[in-house]
Amino acid sequence: MPAIYARRIGVFASAVALASLTSLVNAPSAQAAPPSPISAAAARSYLATVTPRAEGSTSGYSRDLFPHWSTVSGTCNTRETVLKRDGVNVVQDSACAAVSGSWYSEYDGATWTAASDLDIDHMVPLAEAWRSGASSWTTSKRQQFANDLTRPQLIAVTDNVNQAKGDLDPGKWLPPRTAYRCTYARMWVHVKQYWGLSMDSGEKTALVNLLNGC
């Protein structure tokens, strides 16, 4: 092979390697995530069985009726456990508070380096759960729901984005980062299915329309 072509191939290979490295550096850091939700197909199948019901009242509702954050182990509670799980290189002090680390918020694509910039979102908000059937639960069951680390019910996200969501269902609010909406819908359906919570017609329609495109 002529030397000039060999040099060109070498330069091209180096450029490809550099581009790949740059892509890795600029991409969101690999990180732990909430438990994987059911598939879009499974979510669609479940929704086909759902008979919509009008939402109940918020009468009597209080966040205190969903005790959180529960102790998980030692000095670590559910919030701190999720911050550790959803972050990268998270360092915790002796009280289990996150003192450093990096968090990528799936809802809006923002990256944060201070735990104070993050909320732990309840995928199905507590007030939404109350209106969808949790009002009849025992306090113990509501506590399990509010601290559920086994289902995709808890996720660390940008605080003001979580506050914009409030207690709205997917018929009224979806993450601004459209690339996450299919996952968000799968998570929502998974949680509602597991906990036996009802859906209203607008909520179901929004989920069906979204999941049909996933």
Protein backbone atom coordinates (compact mmCIF):
# COMPACT_ATOMS: atom_id res chain seq x y z
CA MET A 1 0.00 0.00 0.00
CA PRO A 2 1.49 3.41 -0.92
CA ALA A 3 2.66 5.35 2.12
CA ILE A 4 0.36 8.33 1.41
CA TYR A 5 -2.75 6.10 1.52
CA ALA A 6 -1.56 4.36 4.66
CA ARG A 7 -1.12 7.79 6.31
CA ARG A 8 -4.61 8.88 5.17
CA ILE A 9 -6.17 5.70 6.61
CA GLY A 10 -4.28 6.26 9.85
CA VAL A 11 -5.48 9.86 10.09
CA PHE A 12 -9.06 8.79 9.31
CA ALA A 13 -8.96 6.09 12.01
CA SER A 14 -7.63 8.61 14.52
CA ALA A 15 -10.41 11.05 13.63
CA VAL A 16 -13.05 8.35 14.08
CA ALA A 17 -11.61 7.41 17.45
CA LEU A 18 -11.53 11.06 18.54
CA ALA A 19 -15.14 11.56 17.42
CA SER A 20 -16.21 8.48 19.36
CA LEU A 21 -14.39 9.71 22.47
CA THR A 22 -15.96 13.16 22.14
CA SER A 23 -19.39 11.57 21.83
CA LEU A 24 -18.82 9.60 25.01
CA VAL A 25 -17.62 12.66 26.91
CA ASN A 26 -20.60 14.76 25.79
CA ALA A 27 -23.22 12.05 26.40
CA PRO A 28 -25.05 11.86 29.74
CA SER A 29 -23.06 9.78 32.21
CA ALA A 30 -24.12 6.20 32.66
CA GLN A 31 -26.18 5.93 35.81
CA ALA A 32 -28.51 3.80 37.84
CA ALA A 33 -32.20 4.28 37.13
CA PRO A 34 -35.60 3.40 38.53
CA PRO A 35 -36.65 -0.26 38.12
CA SER A 36 -37.49 -1.00 34.49
CA PRO A 37 -41.19 -0.52 33.75
CA ILE A 38 -43.38 -2.93 31.84
CA SER A 39 -43.01 -2.88 28.06
CA ALA A 40 -45.09 -0.61 25.85
CA ALA A 41 -46.91 -3.69 24.53
CA ALA A 42 -47.74 -4.86 28.06
CA ALA A 43 -48.88 -1.36 28.98
CA ARG A 44 -51.14 -1.21 25.91
CA SER A 45 -52.60 -4.63 26.77
CA TYR A 46 -53.36 -3.53 30.31
CA LEU A 47 -54.95 -0.27 29.18
CA ALA A 48 -57.27 -2.25 26.91
CA THR A 49 -58.74 -3.82 30.07
CA VAL A 50 -59.18 -0.55 31.97
CA THR A 51 -62.65 0.88 32.39
CA PRO A 52 -62.22 4.61 33.06
CA ARG A 53 -63.63 5.96 36.30
CA ALA A 54 -64.18 9.55 37.34
CA GLU A 55 -61.58 10.76 39.81
CA GLY A 56 -62.55 10.86 43.45
CA SER A 57 -62.39 13.91 45.66
CA THR A 58 -59.31 15.27 47.43
CA SER A 59 -61.46 15.71 50.53
CA GLY A 60 -59.52 14.50 53.55
CA TYR A 61 -56.25 14.28 51.63
CA SER A 62 -52.96 15.10 53.33
CA ARG A 63 -49.40 14.15 52.45
CA ASP A 64 -49.06 13.10 56.07
CA LEU A 65 -51.38 10.20 55.27
CA PHE A 66 -48.59 8.83 53.02
CA PRO A 67 -45.67 8.71 55.51
CA HIS A 68 -42.35 9.29 53.76
CA TRP A 69 -39.41 9.12 53.63
CA SER A 70 -38.99 5.79 55.42
CA THR A 71 -35.69 4.49 56.75
CA VAL A 72 -34.17 2.01 54.30
CA SER A 73 -30.99 1.08 56.16
CA GLY A 74 -28.88 2.67 58.85
CA THR A 75 -29.26 6.45 58.59
CA CYS A 76 -30.42 6.31 54.96
CA ASN A 77 -34.04 7.03 54.08
CA THR A 78 -35.89 6.56 50.79
CA ARG A 79 -35.02 10.00 49.41
CA GLU A 80 -31.30 9.52 50.04
CA THR A 81 -31.43 6.01 48.61
CA VAL A 82 -32.95 7.31 45.36
CA LEU A 83 -30.40 10.14 45.14
CA LYS A 84 -27.61 7.57 45.45
CA ARG A 85 -29.25 5.24 42.92
CA ASP A 86 -30.02 7.86 40.29
CA GLY A 87 -26.75 9.79 40.49
CA VAL A 88 -23.17 9.32 39.36
CA ASN A 89 -20.22 9.31 41.79
CA VAL A 90 -22.51 10.23 44.67
CA VAL A 91 -20.71 10.77 47.98
CA GLN A 92 -22.75 10.66 51.17
CA ASP A 93 -21.79 11.90 54.63
CA SER A 94 -22.24 10.01 57.90
CA ALA A 95 -25.92 11.07 57.99
CA CYS A 96 -26.39 9.66 54.46
CA ALA A 97 -26.91 13.12 52.93
CA ALA A 98 -25.50 13.45 49.39
CA VAL A 99 -22.66 15.97 49.56
CA SER A 100 -21.42 15.60 46.00
CA GLY A 101 -22.25 13.83 42.76
CA SER A 102 -23.91 14.40 39.41
CA TRP A 103 -27.55 13.85 38.47
CA TYR A 104 -29.13 13.79 35.01
CA SER A 105 -32.82 14.69 35.11
CA GLU A 106 -34.68 12.52 32.61
CA TYR A 107 -37.68 14.87 32.56
CA ASP A 108 -35.85 17.87 31.13
CA GLY A 109 -32.31 16.76 30.23
CA ALA A 110 -30.63 18.99 32.82
CA THR A 111 -27.57 17.88 34.79
CA TRP A 112 -27.09 18.97 38.41
CA THR A 113 -24.24 18.71 40.88
CA ALA A 114 -26.13 19.74 44.03
CA ALA A 115 -28.70 17.43 45.59
CA SER A 116 -30.70 20.49 46.63
CA ASP A 117 -31.57 21.07 42.96
CA LEU A 118 -33.43 17.75 42.81
CA ASP A 119 -36.78 16.47 43.96
CA ILE A 120 -37.70 12.82 44.29
CA ASP A 121 -40.83 12.61 42.15
CA HIS A 122 -43.58 10.16 42.92
CA MET A 123 -44.39 8.95 39.41
CA VAL A 124 -48.04 8.64 40.42
CA PRO A 125 -48.41 11.64 42.75
CA LEU A 126 -49.76 11.05 46.23
CA ALA A 127 -52.84 13.25 45.68
CA GLU A 128 -53.52 11.48 42.36
CA ALA A 129 -53.29 8.13 44.14
CA TRP A 130 -55.71 9.38 46.80
CA ARG A 131 -58.26 10.34 44.14
CA SER A 132 -57.71 7.00 42.36
CA GLY A 133 -58.36 4.66 45.25
CA ALA A 134 -55.70 5.18 47.94
CA SER A 135 -58.17 7.10 50.10
CA SER A 136 -59.55 3.72 51.18
CA TRP A 137 -56.14 2.21 51.96
CA THR A 138 -54.61 1.79 55.39
CA THR A 139 -51.89 4.24 56.36
CA SER A 140 -49.43 1.34 56.26
CA LYS A 141 -50.28 0.61 52.62
CA ARG A 142 -50.02 4.29 51.71
CA GLN A 143 -46.59 4.35 53.34
CA GLN A 144 -45.48 1.39 51.23
CA PHE A 145 -46.73 3.18 48.11
CA ALA A 146 -44.97 6.45 48.95
CA ASN A 147 -41.65 4.66 49.49
CA ASP A 148 -41.89 2.04 46.72
CA LEU A 149 -38.38 1.28 45.47
CA THR A 150 -39.40 -1.96 43.74
CA ARG A 151 -41.67 -0.41 41.09
CA PRO A 152 -40.71 2.62 38.92
CA GLN A 153 -42.51 4.99 41.30
CA LEU A 154 -39.59 7.17 42.46
CA ILE A 155 -37.12 9.15 40.35
CA ALA A 156 -34.73 12.05 41.00
CA VAL A 157 -35.53 15.01 38.73
CA THR A 158 -35.11 18.79 38.50
CA ASP A 159 -37.05 20.29 41.39
CA ASN A 160 -38.95 23.02 39.52
CA VAL A 161 -39.97 20.56 36.78
CA ASN A 162 -41.37 18.25 39.42
CA GLN A 163 -43.18 21.18 41.00
CA ALA A 164 -44.68 22.07 37.60
CA LYS A 165 -46.02 18.50 37.38
CA GLY A 166 -47.64 18.78 40.80
CA ASP A 167 -50.37 16.15 41.09
CA LEU A 168 -51.27 16.11 37.40
CA ASP A 169 -51.83 12.92 35.41
CA PRO A 170 -50.49 12.33 31.85
CA GLY A 171 -53.67 13.79 30.36
CA LYS A 172 -52.60 17.14 31.82
CA TRP A 173 -48.80 16.97 32.08
CA LEU A 174 -45.91 15.13 30.42
CA PRO A 175 -42.15 15.59 30.76
CA PRO A 176 -40.86 18.43 28.57
CA ARG A 177 -38.15 16.08 27.24
CA THR A 178 -40.16 14.23 24.61
CA ALA A 179 -37.61 11.41 24.32
CA TYR A 180 -38.61 10.24 27.80
CA ARG A 181 -42.38 10.29 27.34
CA CYS A 182 -42.74 6.66 26.25
CA THR A 183 -40.79 5.52 29.30
CA TYR A 184 -42.80 7.88 31.49
CA ALA A 185 -46.09 6.40 30.21
CA ARG A 186 -44.85 2.85 30.78
CA MET A 187 -43.79 3.77 34.32
CA TRP A 188 -47.16 5.39 35.07
CA VAL A 189 -49.15 2.39 33.81
CA HIS A 190 -46.88 -0.04 35.69
CA VAL A 191 -47.42 1.73 38.99
CA LYS A 192 -51.17 2.13 38.55
CA GLN A 193 -51.55 -1.50 37.50
CA TYR A 194 -49.53 -2.88 40.42
CA TRP A 195 -51.28 -0.78 43.03
CA GLY A 196 -54.76 -1.26 41.53
CA LEU A 197 -55.41 2.45 41.05
CA SER A 198 -58.14 3.68 38.73
CA MET A 199 -57.78 5.92 35.68
CA ASP A 200 -60.09 8.64 34.43
CA SER A 201 -61.01 8.89 30.75
CA GLY A 202 -58.65 11.76 29.88
CA GLU A 203 -55.75 10.00 31.57
CA LYS A 204 -56.41 6.70 29.79
CA THR A 205 -56.85 8.37 26.39
CA ALA A 206 -53.58 10.27 26.75
CA LEU A 207 -51.71 7.11 27.72
CA VAL A 208 -53.22 5.07 24.86
CA ASN A 209 -52.34 7.75 22.31
CA LEU A 210 -48.82 8.08 23.65
CA LEU A 211 -48.11 4.35 23.89
CA ASN A 212 -49.46 3.73 20.39
CA GLY A 213 -46.45 5.66 19.14
CA CYS A 214 -43.91 3.79 21.27
